[in-house]
Amino acid sequence: MATFTYPTKGTCSKEIKFDLENNIVKNVKFKFGCAGNTQGIAALVEGMDADKVIELLKNIDCNGRGTSCPAQLAEALRQAKQA
């Protein structure tokens, strides 16, 4: 299992930490952001295939920012898979 830390860009959350084990997403934690929403995202993606999470979340926009906490998680997973 590998643990990753991703500094977010353009969102209220500042960082995402998560584990990847055999392409399965585990232990997602957002630093700051809307607590209920980020906890909800983390709970929903727990145990999911990283590729499915990326596909579902990559284009979500928050108030015209061009990104969102879910989209930042998708980007973090994409980068982690390339590491």
PDB file of N, CA and C in Angstrom:
ATOM      1  N   MET A   1       0.854  -1.174   0.000  1.00  0.00           N
ATOM      2  CA  MET A   1       0.000   0.000   0.000  1.00  0.00           C
ATOM      3  C   MET A   1       0.894   1.229   0.000  1.00  0.00           C
ATOM      4  N   ALA A   2       0.536   2.209  -0.825  1.00  0.00           N
ATOM      5  CA  ALA A   2       1.288   3.461  -0.898  1.00  0.00           C
ATOM      6  C   ALA A   2       0.402   4.605  -0.416  1.00  0.00           C
ATOM      7  N   THR A   3       0.977   5.502   0.360  1.00  0.00           N
ATOM      8  CA  THR A   3       0.275   6.676   0.864  1.00  0.00           C
ATOM      9  C   THR A   3       0.717   7.886   0.058  1.00  0.00           C
ATOM     10  N   PHE A   4      -0.245   8.728  -0.318  1.00  0.00           N
ATOM     11  CA  PHE A   4       0.028   9.911  -1.119  1.00  0.00           C
ATOM     12  C   PHE A   4      -0.539  11.149  -0.443  1.00  0.00           C
ATOM     13  N   THR A   5       0.128  12.267  -0.656  1.00  0.00           N
ATOM     14  CA  THR A   5      -0.340  13.575  -0.204  1.00  0.00           C
ATOM     15  C   THR A   5      -0.344  14.491  -1.415  1.00  0.00           C
ATOM     16  N   TYR A   6      -1.461  15.147  -1.651  1.00  0.00           N
ATOM     17  CA  TYR A   6      -1.616  16.007  -2.823  1.00  0.00           C
ATOM     18  C   TYR A   6      -2.039  17.398  -2.376  1.00  0.00           C
ATOM     19  N   PRO A   7      -1.256  18.446  -2.715  1.00  0.00           N
ATOM     20  CA  PRO A   7      -1.662  19.816  -2.397  1.00  0.00           C
ATOM     21  C   PRO A   7      -2.684  20.288  -3.432  1.00  0.00           C
ATOM     22  N   THR A   8      -3.888  20.567  -3.005  1.00  0.00           N
ATOM     23  CA  THR A   8      -4.958  20.949  -3.930  1.00  0.00           C
ATOM     24  C   THR A   8      -4.734  22.346  -4.485  1.00  0.00           C
ATOM     25  N   LYS A   9      -5.406  22.632  -5.595  1.00  0.00           N
ATOM     26  CA  LYS A   9      -5.321  23.934  -6.259  1.00  0.00           C
ATOM     27  C   LYS A   9      -6.736  24.422  -6.564  1.00  0.00           C
ATOM     28  N   GLY A  10      -7.047  25.656  -6.192  1.00  0.00           N
ATOM     29  CA  GLY A  10      -8.323  26.264  -6.550  1.00  0.00           C
ATOM     30  C   GLY A  10      -9.518  25.827  -5.743  1.00  0.00           C
ATOM     31  N   THR A  11      -9.288  25.231  -4.573  1.00  0.00           N
ATOM     32  CA  THR A  11     -10.408  24.777  -3.746  1.00  0.00           C
ATOM     33  C   THR A  11     -10.234  25.248  -2.301  1.00  0.00           C
ATOM     34  N   CYS A  12     -11.284  25.123  -1.536  1.00  0.00           N
ATOM     35  CA  CYS A  12     -11.230  25.457  -0.107  1.00  0.00           C
ATOM     36  C   CYS A  12     -10.354  24.464   0.655  1.00  0.00           C
ATOM     37  N   SER A  13     -10.375  23.207   0.224  1.00  0.00           N
ATOM     38  CA  SER A  13      -9.476  22.234   0.847  1.00  0.00           C
ATOM     39  C   SER A  13      -8.054  22.557   0.402  1.00  0.00           C
ATOM     40  N   LYS A  14      -7.092  22.250   1.241  1.00  0.00           N
ATOM     41  CA  LYS A  14      -5.695  22.580   0.949  1.00  0.00           C
ATOM     42  C   LYS A  14      -4.843  21.361   0.628  1.00  0.00           C
ATOM     43  N   GLU A  15      -5.341  20.177   0.999  1.00  0.00           N
ATOM     44  CA  GLU A  15      -4.535  18.978   0.830  1.00  0.00           C
ATOM     45  C   GLU A  15      -5.429  17.753   0.900  1.00  0.00           C
ATOM     46  N   ILE A  16      -5.028  16.719   0.156  1.00  0.00           N
ATOM     47  CA  ILE A  16      -5.720  15.424   0.228  1.00  0.00           C
ATOM     48  C   ILE A  16      -4.673  14.360   0.499  1.00  0.00           C
ATOM     49  N   LYS A  17      -4.943  13.521   1.492  1.00  0.00           N
ATOM     50  CA  LYS A  17      -4.104  12.359   1.767  1.00  0.00           C
ATOM     51  C   LYS A  17      -4.943  11.118   1.508  1.00  0.00           C
ATOM     52  N   PHE A  18      -4.309  10.109   0.929  1.00  0.00           N
ATOM     53  CA  PHE A  18      -5.033   8.874   0.639  1.00  0.00           C
ATOM     54  C   PHE A  18      -4.043   7.742   0.430  1.00  0.00           C
ATOM     55  N   ASP A  19      -4.557   6.535   0.478  1.00  0.00           N
ATOM     56  CA  ASP A  19      -3.776   5.339   0.192  1.00  0.00           C
ATOM     57  C   ASP A  19      -4.302   4.705  -1.088  1.00  0.00           C
ATOM     58  N   LEU A  20      -3.393   4.083  -1.823  1.00  0.00           N
ATOM     59  CA  LEU A  20      -3.754   3.265  -2.973  1.00  0.00           C
ATOM     60  C   LEU A  20      -3.168   1.880  -2.765  1.00  0.00           C
ATOM     61  N   GLU A  21      -4.017   0.880  -2.849  1.00  0.00           N
ATOM     62  CA  GLU A  21      -3.571  -0.501  -2.711  1.00  0.00           C
ATOM     63  C   GLU A  21      -4.187  -1.312  -3.839  1.00  0.00           C
ATOM     64  N   ASN A  22      -3.349  -1.768  -4.769  1.00  0.00           N
ATOM     65  CA  ASN A  22      -3.831  -2.510  -5.928  1.00  0.00           C
ATOM     66  C   ASN A  22      -4.922  -1.740  -6.679  1.00  0.00           C
ATOM     67  N   ASN A  23      -4.698  -0.434  -6.833  1.00  0.00           N
ATOM     68  CA  ASN A  23      -5.598   0.487  -7.544  1.00  0.00           C
ATOM     69  C   ASN A  23      -6.919   0.723  -6.800  1.00  0.00           C
ATOM     70  N   ILE A  24      -6.978   0.377  -5.532  1.00  0.00           N
ATOM     71  CA  ILE A  24      -8.166   0.602  -4.706  1.00  0.00           C
ATOM     72  C   ILE A  24      -7.901   1.798  -3.788  1.00  0.00           C
ATOM     73  N   VAL A  25      -8.858   2.721  -3.751  1.00  0.00           N
ATOM     74  CA  VAL A  25      -8.742   3.946  -2.960  1.00  0.00           C
ATOM     75  C   VAL A  25      -9.117   3.659  -1.508  1.00  0.00           C
ATOM     76  N   LYS A  26      -8.258   4.128  -0.590  1.00  0.00           N
ATOM     77  CA  LYS A  26      -8.511   3.917   0.837  1.00  0.00           C
ATOM     78  C   LYS A  26      -8.093   5.140   1.636  1.00  0.00           C
ATOM     79  N   ASN A  27      -8.723   5.329   2.778  1.00  0.00           N
ATOM     80  CA  ASN A  27      -8.316   6.313   3.792  1.00  0.00           C
ATOM     81  C   ASN A  27      -8.188   7.740   3.264  1.00  0.00           C
ATOM     82  N   VAL A  28      -9.158   8.209   2.491  1.00  0.00           N
ATOM     83  CA  VAL A  28      -9.109   9.571   1.961  1.00  0.00           C
ATOM     84  C   VAL A  28      -9.405  10.565   3.077  1.00  0.00           C
ATOM     85  N   LYS A  29      -8.538  11.568   3.189  1.00  0.00           N
ATOM     86  CA  LYS A  29      -8.708  12.628   4.184  1.00  0.00           C
ATOM     87  C   LYS A  29      -8.415  13.967   3.515  1.00  0.00           C
ATOM     88  N   PHE A  30      -9.354  14.894   3.605  1.00  0.00           N
ATOM     89  CA  PHE A  30      -9.164  16.250   3.100  1.00  0.00           C
ATOM     90  C   PHE A  30      -8.755  17.151   4.254  1.00  0.00           C
ATOM     91  N   LYS A  31      -7.827  18.063   4.003  1.00  0.00           N
ATOM     92  CA  LYS A  31      -7.459  19.073   4.991  1.00  0.00           C
ATOM     93  C   LYS A  31      -8.221  20.343   4.631  1.00  0.00           C
ATOM     94  N   PHE A  32      -9.072  20.787   5.521  1.00  0.00           N
ATOM     95  CA  PHE A  32      -9.968  21.936   5.334  1.00  0.00           C
ATOM     96  C   PHE A  32     -11.040  21.604   4.308  1.00  0.00           C
ATOM     97  N   GLY A  33     -11.691  22.602   3.757  1.00  0.00           N
ATOM     98  CA  GLY A  33     -12.811  22.388   2.848  1.00  0.00           C
ATOM     99  C   GLY A  33     -14.109  22.248   3.617  1.00  0.00           C
ATOM    100  N   CYS A  34     -15.191  22.042   2.921  1.00  0.00           N
ATOM    101  CA  CYS A  34     -16.511  21.862   3.531  1.00  0.00           C
ATOM    102  C   CYS A  34     -16.548  20.472   4.166  1.00  0.00           C
ATOM    103  N   ALA A  35     -16.496  20.434   5.478  1.00  0.00           N
ATOM    104  CA  ALA A  35     -16.302  19.172   6.208  1.00  0.00           C
ATOM    105  C   ALA A  35     -17.303  18.095   5.816  1.00  0.00           C
ATOM    106  N   GLY A  36     -18.571  18.438   5.751  1.00  0.00           N
ATOM    107  CA  GLY A  36     -19.579  17.430   5.411  1.00  0.00           C
ATOM    108  C   GLY A  36     -19.383  16.886   4.008  1.00  0.00           C
ATOM    109  N   ASN A  37     -19.110  17.776   3.066  1.00  0.00           N
ATOM    110  CA  ASN A  37     -18.916  17.349   1.679  1.00  0.00           C
ATOM    111  C   ASN A  37     -17.665  16.502   1.520  1.00  0.00           C
ATOM    112  N   THR A  38     -16.562  16.937   2.107  1.00  0.00           N
ATOM    113  CA  THR A  38     -15.318  16.184   1.928  1.00  0.00           C
ATOM    114  C   THR A  38     -15.376  14.837   2.643  1.00  0.00           C
ATOM    115  N   GLN A  39     -16.044  14.792   3.798  1.00  0.00           N
ATOM    116  CA  GLN A  39     -16.216  13.500   4.470  1.00  0.00           C
ATOM    117  C   GLN A  39     -17.123  12.586   3.650  1.00  0.00           C
ATOM    118  N   GLY A  40     -18.126  13.171   3.015  1.00  0.00           N
ATOM    119  CA  GLY A  40     -19.024  12.392   2.166  1.00  0.00           C
ATOM    120  C   GLY A  40     -18.295  11.817   0.963  1.00  0.00           C
ATOM    121  N   ILE A  41     -17.486  12.641   0.304  1.00  0.00           N
ATOM    122  CA  ILE A  41     -16.693  12.166  -0.834  1.00  0.00           C
ATOM    123  C   ILE A  41     -15.802  11.011  -0.386  1.00  0.00           C
ATOM    124  N   ALA A  42     -15.093  11.218   0.724  1.00  0.00           N
ATOM    125  CA  ALA A  42     -14.175  10.193   1.235  1.00  0.00           C
ATOM    126  C   ALA A  42     -14.907   8.876   1.503  1.00  0.00           C
ATOM    127  N   ALA A  43     -16.077   8.957   2.112  1.00  0.00           N
ATOM    128  CA  ALA A  43     -16.840   7.743   2.421  1.00  0.00           C
ATOM    129  C   ALA A  43     -17.318   7.049   1.150  1.00  0.00           C
ATOM    130  N   LEU A  44     -17.752   7.830   0.168  1.00  0.00           N
ATOM    131  CA  LEU A  44     -18.276   7.238  -1.061  1.00  0.00           C
ATOM    132  C   LEU A  44     -17.209   6.538  -1.902  1.00  0.00           C
ATOM    133  N   VAL A  45     -15.986   7.067  -1.906  1.00  0.00           N
ATOM    134  CA  VAL A  45     -14.938   6.474  -2.750  1.00  0.00           C
ATOM    135  C   VAL A  45     -14.152   5.373  -2.047  1.00  0.00           C
ATOM    136  N   GLU A  46     -14.339   5.208  -0.756  1.00  0.00           N
ATOM    137  CA  GLU A  46     -13.619   4.173   0.002  1.00  0.00           C
ATOM    138  C   GLU A  46     -13.855   2.798  -0.622  1.00  0.00           C
ATOM    139  N   GLY A  47     -12.763   2.136  -0.979  1.00  0.00           N
ATOM    140  CA  GLY A  47     -12.849   0.792  -1.543  1.00  0.00           C
ATOM    141  C   GLY A  47     -13.121   0.740  -3.035  1.00  0.00           C
ATOM    142  N   MET A  48     -13.239   1.908  -3.683  1.00  0.00           N
ATOM    143  CA  MET A  48     -13.518   1.943  -5.119  1.00  0.00           C
ATOM    144  C   MET A  48     -12.229   1.832  -5.936  1.00  0.00           C
ATOM    145  N   ASP A  49     -12.374   1.375  -7.156  1.00  0.00           N
ATOM    146  CA  ASP A  49     -11.280   1.351  -8.110  1.00  0.00           C
ATOM    147  C   ASP A  49     -10.910   2.796  -8.465  1.00  0.00           C
ATOM    148  N   ALA A  50      -9.627   3.112  -8.433  1.00  0.00           N
ATOM    149  CA  ALA A  50      -9.163   4.480  -8.680  1.00  0.00           C
ATOM    150  C   ALA A  50      -9.585   4.990 -10.054  1.00  0.00           C
ATOM    151  N   ASP A  51      -9.552   4.143 -11.069  1.00  0.00           N
ATOM    152  CA  ASP A  51      -9.942   4.567 -12.411  1.00  0.00           C
ATOM    153  C   ASP A  51     -11.411   4.978 -12.469  1.00  0.00           C
ATOM    154  N   LYS A  52     -12.255   4.275 -11.751  1.00  0.00           N
ATOM    155  CA  LYS A  52     -13.687   4.618 -11.701  1.00  0.00           C
ATOM    156  C   LYS A  52     -13.885   5.954 -10.991  1.00  0.00           C
ATOM    157  N   VAL A  53     -13.157   6.179  -9.892  1.00  0.00           N
ATOM    158  CA  VAL A  53     -13.250   7.447  -9.158  1.00  0.00           C
ATOM    159  C   VAL A  53     -12.814   8.596 -10.059  1.00  0.00           C
ATOM    160  N   ILE A  54     -11.704   8.419 -10.750  1.00  0.00           N
ATOM    161  CA  ILE A  54     -11.210   9.458 -11.658  1.00  0.00           C
ATOM    162  C   ILE A  54     -12.264   9.799 -12.700  1.00  0.00           C
ATOM    163  N   GLU A  55     -12.826   8.791 -13.328  1.00  0.00           N
ATOM    164  CA  GLU A  55     -13.830   9.004 -14.380  1.00  0.00           C
ATOM    165  C   GLU A  55     -15.062   9.742 -13.845  1.00  0.00           C
ATOM    166  N   LEU A  56     -15.521   9.371 -12.663  1.00  0.00           N
ATOM    167  CA  LEU A  56     -16.724   9.981 -12.081  1.00  0.00           C
ATOM    168  C   LEU A  56     -16.515  11.423 -11.629  1.00  0.00           C
ATOM    169  N   LEU A  57     -15.329  11.742 -11.123  1.00  0.00           N
ATOM    170  CA  LEU A  57     -15.123  13.028 -10.448  1.00  0.00           C
ATOM    171  C   LEU A  57     -14.338  14.070 -11.228  1.00  0.00           C
ATOM    172  N   LYS A  58     -13.679  13.697 -12.315  1.00  0.00           N
ATOM    173  CA  LYS A  58     -12.694  14.574 -12.954  1.00  0.00           C
ATOM    174  C   LYS A  58     -13.237  15.900 -13.467  1.00  0.00           C
ATOM    175  N   ASN A  59     -14.481  15.993 -13.846  1.00  0.00           N
ATOM    176  CA  ASN A  59     -15.000  17.226 -14.447  1.00  0.00           C
ATOM    177  C   ASN A  59     -15.975  17.999 -13.561  1.00  0.00           C
ATOM    178  N   ILE A  60     -16.011  17.706 -12.285  1.00  0.00           N
ATOM    179  CA  ILE A  60     -16.928  18.414 -11.394  1.00  0.00           C
ATOM    180  C   ILE A  60     -16.374  19.806 -11.096  1.00  0.00           C
ATOM    181  N   ASP A  61     -17.230  20.815 -11.246  1.00  0.00           N
ATOM    182  CA  ASP A  61     -16.842  22.209 -11.050  1.00  0.00           C
ATOM    183  C   ASP A  61     -17.578  22.787  -9.840  1.00  0.00           C
ATOM    184  N   CYS A  62     -16.881  23.610  -9.082  1.00  0.00           N
ATOM    185  CA  CYS A  62     -17.473  24.276  -7.911  1.00  0.00           C
ATOM    186  C   CYS A  62     -17.555  25.777  -8.173  1.00  0.00           C
ATOM    187  N   ASN A  63     -18.746  26.257  -8.391  1.00  0.00           N
ATOM    188  CA  ASN A  63     -19.001  27.694  -8.548  1.00  0.00           C
ATOM    189  C   ASN A  63     -18.125  28.378  -9.592  1.00  0.00           C
ATOM    190  N   GLY A  64     -17.900  27.736 -10.721  1.00  0.00           N
ATOM    191  CA  GLY A  64     -17.136  28.346 -11.806  1.00  0.00           C
ATOM    192  C   GLY A  64     -15.638  28.422 -11.587  1.00  0.00           C
ATOM    193  N   ARG A  65     -15.129  27.682 -10.634  1.00  0.00           N
ATOM    194  CA  ARG A  65     -13.687  27.700 -10.344  1.00  0.00           C
ATOM    195  C   ARG A  65     -12.869  26.892 -11.348  1.00  0.00           C
ATOM    196  N   GLY A  66     -13.545  26.058 -12.119  1.00  0.00           N
ATOM    197  CA  GLY A  66     -12.831  25.194 -13.045  1.00  0.00           C
ATOM    198  C   GLY A  66     -12.347  23.915 -12.394  1.00  0.00           C
ATOM    199  N   THR A  67     -12.618  23.753 -11.125  1.00  0.00           N
ATOM    200  CA  THR A  67     -12.256  22.551 -10.381  1.00  0.00           C
ATOM    201  C   THR A  67     -13.148  22.451  -9.156  1.00  0.00           C
ATOM    202  N   SER A  68     -12.904  21.446  -8.343  1.00  0.00           N
ATOM    203  CA  SER A  68     -13.666  21.228  -7.112  1.00  0.00           C
ATOM    204  C   SER A  68     -12.876  20.257  -6.251  1.00  0.00           C
ATOM    205  N   CYS A  69     -13.315  20.044  -5.032  1.00  0.00           N
ATOM    206  CA  CYS A  69     -12.655  19.041  -4.191  1.00  0.00           C
ATOM    207  C   CYS A  69     -12.723  17.655  -4.832  1.00  0.00           C
ATOM    208  N   PRO A  70     -13.881  17.232  -5.376  1.00  0.00           N
ATOM    209  CA  PRO A  70     -13.911  15.933  -6.047  1.00  0.00           C
ATOM    210  C   PRO A  70     -12.969  15.893  -7.258  1.00  0.00           C
ATOM    211  N   ALA A  71     -12.939  16.949  -8.062  1.00  0.00           N
ATOM    212  CA  ALA A  71     -12.060  16.979  -9.229  1.00  0.00           C
ATOM    213  C   ALA A  71     -10.592  16.952  -8.809  1.00  0.00           C
ATOM    214  N   GLN A  72     -10.274  17.591  -7.699  1.00  0.00           N
ATOM    215  CA  GLN A  72      -8.897  17.570  -7.203  1.00  0.00           C
ATOM    216  C   GLN A  72      -8.520  16.163  -6.728  1.00  0.00           C
ATOM    217  N   LEU A  73      -9.473  15.440  -6.141  1.00  0.00           N
ATOM    218  CA  LEU A  73      -9.205  14.058  -5.772  1.00  0.00           C
ATOM    219  C   LEU A  73      -8.929  13.224  -7.019  1.00  0.00           C
ATOM    220  N   ALA A  74      -9.711  13.437  -8.075  1.00  0.00           N
ATOM    221  CA  ALA A  74      -9.482  12.726  -9.331  1.00  0.00           C
ATOM    222  C   ALA A  74      -8.084  13.010  -9.865  1.00  0.00           C
ATOM    223  N   GLU A  75      -7.671  14.269  -9.829  1.00  0.00           N
ATOM    224  CA  GLU A  75      -6.337  14.634 -10.307  1.00  0.00           C
ATOM    225  C   GLU A  75      -5.253  14.023  -9.422  1.00  0.00           C
ATOM    226  N   ALA A  76      -5.482  14.034  -8.123  1.00  0.00           N
ATOM    227  CA  ALA A  76      -4.511  13.431  -7.191  1.00  0.00           C
ATOM    228  C   ALA A  76      -4.346  11.949  -7.482  1.00  0.00           C
ATOM    229  N   LEU A  77      -5.433  11.256  -7.721  1.00  0.00           N
ATOM    230  CA  LEU A  77      -5.370   9.827  -8.039  1.00  0.00           C
ATOM    231  C   LEU A  77      -4.667   9.596  -9.376  1.00  0.00           C
ATOM    232  N   ARG A  78      -4.978  10.426 -10.357  1.00  0.00           N
ATOM    233  CA  ARG A  78      -4.323  10.303 -11.665  1.00  0.00           C
ATOM    234  C   ARG A  78      -2.808  10.423 -11.519  1.00  0.00           C
ATOM    235  N   GLN A  79      -2.378  11.440 -10.771  1.00  0.00           N
ATOM    236  CA  GLN A  79      -0.939  11.641 -10.575  1.00  0.00           C
ATOM    237  C   GLN A  79      -0.320  10.507  -9.764  1.00  0.00           C
ATOM    238  N   ALA A  80      -1.009  10.029  -8.771  1.00  0.00           N
ATOM    239  CA  ALA A  80      -0.494   8.937  -7.934  1.00  0.00           C
ATOM    240  C   ALA A  80      -0.305   7.675  -8.775  1.00  0.00           C
ATOM    241  N   LYS A  81      -1.217   7.416  -9.699  1.00  0.00           N
ATOM    242  CA  LYS A  81      -1.101   6.228 -10.545  1.00  0.00           C
ATOM    243  C   LYS A  81       0.108   6.320 -11.464  1.00  0.00           C
ATOM    244  N   GLN A  82       0.542   7.536 -11.791  1.00  0.00           N
ATOM    245  CA  GLN A  82       1.695   7.724 -12.665  1.00  0.00           C
ATOM    246  C   GLN A  82       3.024   7.700 -11.905  1.00  0.00           C
ATOM    247  N   ALA A  83       2.946   7.805 -10.579  1.00  0.00           N
ATOM    248  CA  ALA A  83       4.161   7.862  -9.766  1.00  0.00           C
ATOM    249  C   ALA A  83       4.871   6.514  -9.708  1.00  0.00           C
TER     250      ALA A  83
END
